[in-house]
Amino acid sequence: MPARARPTLEWIALHALAIAAALFFALPFLFVILTALMSDQQALTRDLWPHQFVWHNLVDVWNTPGFSTWWRNTIIYAVAGTALTLLSSIPVAYALAHFRFRGRNLAMMVVIATMMLPPQVAVIPLYIVWARDLHLSGTLWPLILPLAFGDAYSIFLLRQFLLTIPREYIEAAKVDGCGDFRAMVRVVLPMARPGIAAAALFQFFYCWNDFFGPQIYTSENPGAWTLSYGLQSFRSAHHTNWNLTMAATLLVMAPVIVVFFLAQRAFIEGVTLTGVKG
């Protein structure tokens, strides 16, 4: 094989694999979009391309009783949960990354051990507390309030990123008169924006797609359902209308995809830099 042809063949092979991988992930999403725009009759056939694009399917789904309520509840859960997670996790991650105190490694081991604990293990005692003692079952509070006490994965992710910030910046801020809290807010957090963005997106996606929590705590009250749990009810009610089911699925997925593409650069940067040091 000529030496000149080898780089060309390598380029073709590399991009062919990339294109195949892209199609592997994109084709199911394309199938959802095309099916969502079909008529009721065509959605039950083997046709892959709509004979006529039925855009009012999206409007019909949005006007379904309860759908806008599920949307509102999901936004409240995702936004409030993400904000509380960041507010509670950033100080803990900062302390584990830059404070020197006895038991720091043990505290980090406890955080990691918490990540390994499946949520199903503690669901029964937690449900008893929320339902019997606090009488908050059927609401979003059992899903939102625990996030005000930190999230193990967010703490770990942020701590790994904060370790990449040189301690000299913090010491210089303290020389200028800043305390620990002010140094964190004025110096560390602006430099940690990519890591914070990555942690925020991970938490936002988790809350938006969470099915287990809403199923446990909100199933008794349809007014507190989120999109992930309400979509199951919608699918059961429209099990023969695949076009409407796909339209509902598309409306559930669209915000997550839009948010990811808008914050893609910060997300990739945060994930790439996290874990360089630790």
Protein backbone atom coordinates (compact mmCIF):
# COMPACT_ATOMS: atom_id res chain seq x y z
CA MET A 1 0.00 0.00 0.00
CA PRO A 2 1.46 3.42 -0.95
CA ALA A 3 2.39 5.62 2.00
CA ARG A 4 0.23 8.46 0.67
CA ALA A 5 -2.93 6.33 0.63
CA ARG A 6 -2.68 5.18 4.25
CA PRO A 7 -3.63 8.52 5.91
CA THR A 8 -6.59 8.84 3.52
CA LEU A 9 -7.87 5.35 4.35
CA GLU A 10 -7.42 6.03 8.06
CA TRP A 11 -9.42 9.26 7.73
CA ILE A 12 -12.22 7.44 5.88
CA ALA A 13 -12.31 4.61 8.42
CA LEU A 14 -12.34 7.01 11.37
CA HIS A 15 -15.15 9.17 10.00
CA ALA A 16 -17.12 6.16 8.80
CA LEU A 17 -17.24 4.87 12.37
CA ALA A 18 -18.20 8.32 13.63
CA ILE A 19 -21.01 8.60 11.07
CA ALA A 20 -22.26 5.10 11.93
CA ALA A 21 -22.25 5.97 15.65
CA ALA A 22 -24.10 9.25 14.95
CA LEU A 23 -26.75 7.42 12.92
CA PHE A 24 -27.11 4.82 15.66
CA PHE A 25 -28.13 7.54 18.13
CA ALA A 26 -29.96 9.87 15.72
CA LEU A 27 -32.22 7.42 13.85
CA PRO A 28 -34.43 6.52 16.87
CA PHE A 29 -34.97 10.23 17.53
CA LEU A 30 -35.80 10.77 13.86
CA PHE A 31 -38.29 7.89 14.03
CA VAL A 32 -40.02 9.57 17.01
CA ILE A 33 -40.29 12.87 15.12
CA LEU A 34 -41.67 11.32 11.93
CA THR A 35 -44.17 9.13 13.78
CA ALA A 36 -45.33 12.11 15.85
CA LEU A 37 -46.27 13.93 12.62
CA MET A 38 -48.27 11.08 11.08
CA SER A 39 -52.03 10.64 10.99
CA ASP A 40 -53.75 8.08 13.22
CA GLN A 41 -54.14 5.60 10.35
CA GLN A 42 -50.63 5.93 8.95
CA ALA A 43 -49.01 5.52 12.38
CA LEU A 44 -50.31 1.93 12.43
CA THR A 45 -48.71 1.07 9.07
CA ARG A 46 -45.12 0.32 8.11
CA ASP A 47 -44.64 3.69 6.43
CA LEU A 48 -41.62 5.59 7.72
CA TRP A 49 -42.31 8.95 6.09
CA PRO A 50 -45.53 10.91 6.73
CA HIS A 51 -47.81 11.30 3.72
CA GLN A 52 -48.89 14.58 5.25
CA PHE A 53 -47.27 16.31 8.19
CA VAL A 54 -49.92 16.53 10.90
CA TRP A 55 -48.60 19.33 13.10
CA HIS A 56 -51.75 19.59 15.17
CA ASN A 57 -50.77 16.34 16.92
CA LEU A 58 -48.45 18.42 19.08
CA VAL A 59 -51.25 20.87 19.84
CA ASP A 60 -53.64 18.02 20.68
CA VAL A 61 -51.14 16.55 23.11
CA TRP A 62 -50.49 19.91 24.76
CA ASN A 63 -54.24 20.44 25.19
CA THR A 64 -54.69 17.04 26.82
CA PRO A 65 -56.10 17.56 30.34
CA GLY A 66 -53.23 17.55 32.82
CA PHE A 67 -50.35 17.78 30.35
CA SER A 68 -49.60 21.46 31.01
CA THR A 69 -49.78 20.72 34.75
CA TRP A 70 -47.24 17.92 34.38
CA TRP A 71 -45.04 20.32 32.43
CA ARG A 72 -45.29 22.98 35.15
CA ASN A 73 -44.55 20.48 37.91
CA THR A 74 -41.53 19.15 36.05
CA ILE A 75 -40.09 22.64 35.56
CA ILE A 76 -40.60 23.40 39.26
CA TYR A 77 -38.96 20.14 40.28
CA ALA A 78 -36.03 20.46 37.87
CA VAL A 79 -35.28 24.16 38.45
CA ALA A 80 -35.78 24.17 42.23
CA GLY A 81 -33.99 20.86 42.63
CA THR A 82 -31.00 22.02 40.59
CA ALA A 83 -30.76 25.34 42.46
CA LEU A 84 -30.96 23.68 45.89
CA THR A 85 -28.44 21.04 44.89
CA LEU A 86 -25.90 23.64 43.82
CA LEU A 87 -26.47 25.83 46.89
CA SER A 88 -25.96 22.90 49.24
CA SER A 89 -23.25 21.00 47.36
CA ILE A 90 -20.84 23.79 46.38
CA PRO A 91 -19.80 24.72 49.97
CA VAL A 92 -19.30 21.06 50.87
CA ALA A 93 -17.25 20.40 47.74
CA TYR A 94 -15.18 23.55 48.40
CA ALA A 95 -14.45 22.44 51.96
CA LEU A 96 -13.44 18.94 50.87
CA ALA A 97 -11.20 20.34 48.14
CA HIS A 98 -9.39 23.20 49.89
CA PHE A 99 -9.81 22.86 53.65
CA ARG A 100 -7.32 20.87 55.68
CA PHE A 101 -9.04 19.23 58.65
CA ARG A 102 -8.98 15.95 60.50
CA GLY A 103 -11.33 13.40 58.98
CA ARG A 104 -11.46 15.00 55.52
CA ASN A 105 -10.61 11.74 53.76
CA LEU A 106 -13.18 9.90 55.88
CA ALA A 107 -15.82 12.46 54.93
CA MET A 108 -14.95 11.97 51.26
CA MET A 109 -15.26 8.21 51.68
CA VAL A 110 -18.71 8.69 53.20
CA VAL A 111 -19.75 10.79 50.20
CA ILE A 112 -18.53 8.10 47.80
CA ALA A 113 -20.23 5.38 49.85
CA THR A 114 -23.48 7.36 49.65
CA MET A 115 -23.19 7.34 45.86
CA MET A 116 -23.05 3.53 45.95
CA LEU A 117 -26.24 3.27 48.01
CA PRO A 118 -29.29 2.60 45.77
CA PRO A 119 -32.24 4.89 46.53
CA GLN A 120 -34.53 1.84 46.75
CA VAL A 121 -32.78 0.78 49.97
CA ALA A 122 -34.12 3.71 51.99
CA VAL A 123 -37.40 4.32 50.16
CA ILE A 124 -39.67 2.63 52.73
CA PRO A 125 -38.50 4.51 55.86
CA LEU A 126 -38.33 7.75 53.90
CA TYR A 127 -41.85 7.30 52.60
CA ILE A 128 -43.10 6.66 56.13
CA VAL A 129 -41.47 9.91 57.29
CA TRP A 130 -42.86 11.99 54.42
CA ALA A 131 -46.33 10.41 54.41
CA ARG A 132 -47.12 9.59 58.03
CA ASP A 133 -45.03 12.07 60.00
CA LEU A 134 -44.89 15.12 57.73
CA HIS A 135 -48.07 14.45 55.68
CA LEU A 136 -46.41 15.60 52.45
CA SER A 137 -47.14 12.63 50.21
CA GLY A 138 -48.94 13.60 47.03
CA THR A 139 -46.81 16.73 46.66
CA LEU A 140 -43.45 17.65 45.14
CA TRP A 141 -41.89 18.50 48.51
CA PRO A 142 -40.50 14.98 49.20
CA LEU A 143 -38.64 15.26 45.88
CA ILE A 144 -37.36 18.83 46.29
CA LEU A 145 -36.57 19.28 50.00
CA PRO A 146 -33.92 16.47 50.29
CA LEU A 147 -31.87 18.23 47.61
CA ALA A 148 -31.39 21.16 49.99
CA PHE A 149 -29.06 18.90 52.00
CA GLY A 150 -26.64 18.14 49.18
CA ASP A 151 -26.24 15.47 46.54
CA ALA A 152 -23.39 12.98 46.77
CA TYR A 153 -22.68 12.85 43.04
CA SER A 154 -22.73 16.65 42.68
CA ILE A 155 -20.42 17.03 45.68
CA PHE A 156 -17.99 14.51 44.22
CA LEU A 157 -18.07 16.08 40.75
CA LEU A 158 -17.60 19.62 42.05
CA ARG A 159 -14.88 18.61 44.47
CA GLN A 160 -12.90 16.97 41.68
CA PHE A 161 -13.18 20.13 39.58
CA LEU A 162 -12.28 22.48 42.45
CA LEU A 163 -9.10 20.50 43.01
CA THR A 164 -7.89 21.73 39.62
CA ILE A 165 -8.03 25.37 40.81
CA PRO A 166 -4.62 26.32 42.30
CA ARG A 167 -4.74 27.08 46.00
CA GLU A 168 -2.51 30.11 45.41
CA TYR A 169 -5.52 32.07 44.14
CA ILE A 170 -7.36 31.47 47.40
CA GLU A 171 -4.34 32.38 49.50
CA ALA A 172 -3.86 35.58 47.50
CA ALA A 173 -7.51 36.49 48.12
CA LYS A 174 -7.07 35.90 51.85
CA VAL A 175 -3.99 38.13 51.86
CA ASP A 176 -6.19 40.87 50.37
CA GLY A 177 -8.61 40.48 53.27
CA CYS A 178 -11.14 37.93 52.00
CA GLY A 179 -12.49 35.30 54.32
CA ASP A 180 -13.13 31.72 53.27
CA PHE A 181 -16.70 32.37 52.17
CA ARG A 182 -15.84 35.53 50.24
CA ALA A 183 -12.86 33.82 48.60
CA MET A 184 -15.15 31.02 47.49
CA VAL A 185 -17.76 33.40 46.06
CA ARG A 186 -15.46 36.01 44.52
CA VAL A 187 -12.51 33.86 43.36
CA VAL A 188 -13.31 30.17 43.19
CA LEU A 189 -16.85 30.13 41.80
CA PRO A 190 -16.10 32.33 38.74
CA MET A 191 -13.22 29.99 37.88
CA ALA A 192 -15.39 26.92 38.47
CA ARG A 193 -18.19 27.85 36.07
CA PRO A 194 -17.62 24.87 33.71
CA GLY A 195 -17.72 22.41 36.62
CA ILE A 196 -20.80 24.07 38.10
CA ALA A 197 -22.49 24.01 34.69
CA ALA A 198 -21.75 20.29 34.32
CA ALA A 199 -23.11 19.52 37.80
CA ALA A 200 -26.19 21.68 37.14
CA LEU A 201 -26.94 19.94 33.85
CA PHE A 202 -26.52 16.48 35.35
CA GLN A 203 -28.92 17.38 38.16
CA PHE A 204 -31.39 19.09 35.83
CA PHE A 205 -31.48 16.05 33.53
CA TYR A 206 -31.92 13.74 36.53
CA CYS A 207 -34.86 15.73 37.89
CA TRP A 208 -36.47 16.11 34.47
CA ASN A 209 -36.27 12.37 33.72
CA ASP A 210 -36.91 11.12 37.26
CA PHE A 211 -39.62 8.46 37.27
CA PHE A 212 -38.99 6.57 40.48
CA GLY A 213 -39.45 9.51 42.86
CA PRO A 214 -42.71 10.85 41.35
CA GLN A 215 -44.09 7.33 41.18
CA ILE A 216 -43.52 6.85 44.93
CA TYR A 217 -44.58 10.24 46.27
CA THR A 218 -47.03 11.79 43.76
CA SER A 219 -48.94 8.82 42.30
CA GLU A 220 -51.95 9.46 44.55
CA ASN A 221 -52.37 13.05 43.32
CA PRO A 222 -52.55 13.61 39.51
CA GLY A 223 -52.13 17.34 40.12
CA ALA A 224 -48.56 16.70 41.31
CA TRP A 225 -47.47 14.35 38.52
CA THR A 226 -44.40 15.16 36.47
CA LEU A 227 -43.93 14.56 32.76
CA SER A 228 -42.05 11.29 33.21
CA TYR A 229 -44.84 9.77 35.30
CA GLY A 230 -47.69 11.44 33.42
CA LEU A 231 -46.33 10.11 30.13
CA GLN A 232 -47.01 6.58 31.34
CA SER A 233 -50.64 7.47 32.00
CA PHE A 234 -50.88 9.20 28.62
CA ARG A 235 -49.49 6.14 26.85
CA SER A 236 -51.99 3.87 28.60
CA ALA A 237 -54.87 6.11 27.53
CA HIS A 238 -53.64 6.38 23.91
CA HIS A 239 -52.05 2.96 23.43
CA THR A 240 -53.45 2.69 19.89
CA ASN A 241 -52.57 6.27 18.88
CA TRP A 242 -48.84 5.89 18.34
CA ASN A 243 -48.62 9.28 16.70
CA LEU A 244 -49.95 11.02 19.82
CA THR A 245 -47.73 8.92 22.07
CA MET A 246 -44.68 9.88 20.02
CA ALA A 247 -45.78 13.52 20.00
CA ALA A 248 -45.99 13.46 23.80
CA THR A 249 -42.57 11.81 23.96
CA LEU A 250 -41.16 14.50 21.67
CA LEU A 251 -42.53 17.28 23.88
CA VAL A 252 -40.95 15.62 26.91
CA MET A 253 -37.54 15.20 25.25
CA ALA A 254 -37.32 18.53 23.44
CA PRO A 255 -36.47 20.80 26.41
CA VAL A 256 -33.66 18.51 27.56
CA ILE A 257 -32.14 18.43 24.08
CA VAL A 258 -32.40 22.21 23.71
CA VAL A 259 -30.80 22.82 27.13
CA PHE A 260 -27.96 20.42 26.35
CA PHE A 261 -27.11 22.06 23.02
CA LEU A 262 -27.25 25.55 24.50
CA ALA A 263 -24.86 24.59 27.30
CA GLN A 264 -22.88 21.99 25.38
CA ARG A 265 -19.54 23.81 25.44
CA ALA A 266 -19.60 24.46 29.20
CA PHE A 267 -20.83 20.92 29.85
CA ILE A 268 -18.05 19.25 27.84
CA GLU A 269 -15.41 21.52 29.34
CA GLY A 270 -16.60 20.77 32.86
CA VAL A 271 -16.71 17.01 32.33
CA THR A 272 -13.30 17.03 30.61
CA LEU A 273 -11.54 18.96 33.37
CA THR A 274 -13.23 17.15 36.23
CA GLY A 275 -11.07 14.43 37.72
CA VAL A 276 -7.73 15.66 36.33
CA LYS A 277 -6.46 15.85 39.87
CA GLY A 278 -7.61 14.11 43.01
